[in-house]
Amino acid sequence: MTYALISIPFLLFAALLAYRHRNAMPRQLAVTAVVAVILLVLTIIFDNLMIWAELVGYGDEQRLGLDIGLVPIEDLFYPLVAALIIPAVWRGRGVKR
């Protein structure tokens, strides 16, 4: 099983939750997009450092083969899921600001 096959169900679930709240205010959507970009950039930077320092490693047979630096592309699914799911759950709970 590849890392992508493990991650895709979570990404689809997060996308579904985000889609359910698509009528959120444009400002909320913009903030979610900015947070997603920040999380992706930070993940790329720090995952490259961790892989370079050999703190973590990925098996070649479980990867798709697309990399950004040393980071497998499927490693970016996790921050994307967090950026989508947390605001959707937050809005779903009725928390208003």
Protein backbone atom coordinates (compact mmCIF):
# COMPACT_ATOMS: atom_id res chain seq x y z
CA MET A 1 0.00 0.00 0.00
CA THR A 2 1.31 3.44 -0.89
CA TYR A 3 1.28 6.57 1.24
CA ALA A 4 -1.10 8.15 -1.27
CA LEU A 5 -3.66 5.33 -0.88
CA ILE A 6 -3.54 5.79 2.87
CA SER A 7 -3.91 9.58 2.63
CA ILE A 8 -6.51 9.96 -0.12
CA PRO A 9 -9.54 8.87 1.98
CA PHE A 10 -8.66 11.50 4.60
CA LEU A 11 -8.20 14.15 1.91
CA LEU A 12 -11.55 13.25 0.35
CA PHE A 13 -13.27 13.41 3.75
CA ALA A 14 -11.73 16.84 4.44
CA ALA A 15 -12.74 18.07 0.98
CA LEU A 16 -16.30 16.85 1.58
CA LEU A 17 -16.49 18.70 4.91
CA ALA A 18 -15.06 21.84 3.33
CA TYR A 19 -17.55 21.55 0.45
CA ARG A 20 -20.45 21.32 2.90
CA HIS A 21 -19.38 24.71 4.26
CA ARG A 22 -18.77 26.29 0.86
CA ASN A 23 -21.25 29.07 1.65
CA ALA A 24 -18.98 30.43 4.36
CA MET A 25 -18.07 34.08 4.21
CA PRO A 26 -15.45 34.91 1.56
CA ARG A 27 -13.10 36.16 4.28
CA GLN A 28 -13.19 32.76 5.99
CA LEU A 29 -12.40 31.04 2.70
CA ALA A 30 -9.51 33.41 2.08
CA VAL A 31 -8.11 32.79 5.55
CA THR A 32 -8.38 29.04 5.02
CA ALA A 33 -6.50 29.35 1.71
CA VAL A 34 -3.75 31.46 3.30
CA VAL A 35 -3.40 29.00 6.18
CA ALA A 36 -3.20 26.10 3.71
CA VAL A 37 -0.40 27.81 1.77
CA ILE A 38 1.52 28.62 4.97
CA LEU A 39 1.18 25.04 6.22
CA LEU A 40 2.33 23.63 2.87
CA VAL A 41 5.38 25.92 2.74
CA LEU A 42 6.35 25.11 6.33
CA THR A 43 5.88 21.40 5.68
CA ILE A 44 8.11 21.55 2.62
CA ILE A 45 10.84 23.41 4.51
CA PHE A 46 10.86 21.35 7.69
CA ASP A 47 10.25 17.96 6.05
CA ASN A 48 13.19 18.61 3.74
CA LEU A 49 15.34 19.36 6.78
CA MET A 50 14.14 16.27 8.66
CA ILE A 51 14.70 13.98 5.66
CA TRP A 52 18.11 15.53 4.98
CA ALA A 53 19.09 14.97 8.63
CA GLU A 54 17.86 11.37 8.27
CA LEU A 55 15.35 11.73 11.11
CA VAL A 56 12.65 10.24 8.86
CA GLY A 57 12.71 8.21 5.69
CA TYR A 58 10.27 6.88 3.14
CA GLY A 59 10.35 3.53 1.41
CA ASP A 60 10.74 3.87 -2.35
CA GLU A 61 8.08 1.25 -3.09
CA GLN A 62 5.40 3.13 -1.10
CA ARG A 63 5.99 6.51 -2.78
CA LEU A 64 4.51 7.96 -5.95
CA GLY A 65 7.94 9.19 -7.03
CA LEU A 66 7.07 12.91 -7.23
CA ASP A 67 9.23 14.96 -4.89
CA ILE A 68 9.64 18.58 -3.88
CA GLY A 69 13.24 18.60 -2.84
CA LEU A 70 13.47 15.50 -0.68
CA VAL A 71 9.77 15.53 0.31
CA PRO A 72 7.41 13.05 -1.37
CA ILE A 73 4.39 14.88 -2.77
CA GLU A 74 1.99 12.72 -0.77
CA ASP A 75 3.49 14.10 2.46
CA LEU A 76 1.75 17.38 1.65
CA PHE A 77 -1.68 15.75 2.00
CA TYR A 78 -1.51 15.95 5.81
CA PRO A 79 -1.26 19.74 6.17
CA LEU A 80 -3.86 20.14 3.43
CA VAL A 81 -6.26 17.88 5.32
CA ALA A 82 -5.68 19.90 8.49
CA ALA A 83 -6.23 23.21 6.67
CA LEU A 84 -9.55 21.95 5.27
CA ILE A 85 -10.93 19.95 8.15
CA ILE A 86 -10.28 22.22 11.14
CA PRO A 87 -12.24 25.25 9.84
CA ALA A 88 -15.05 22.99 8.60
CA VAL A 89 -15.40 21.31 11.99
CA TRP A 90 -15.09 24.67 13.74
CA ARG A 91 -17.89 26.17 11.62
CA GLY A 92 -19.95 23.00 11.97
CA ARG A 93 -19.92 23.32 15.75
CA GLY A 94 -21.60 26.68 15.46
CA VAL A 95 -18.66 28.68 16.77
CA LYS A 96 -19.10 32.24 15.62
CA ARG A 97 -16.64 35.12 15.64
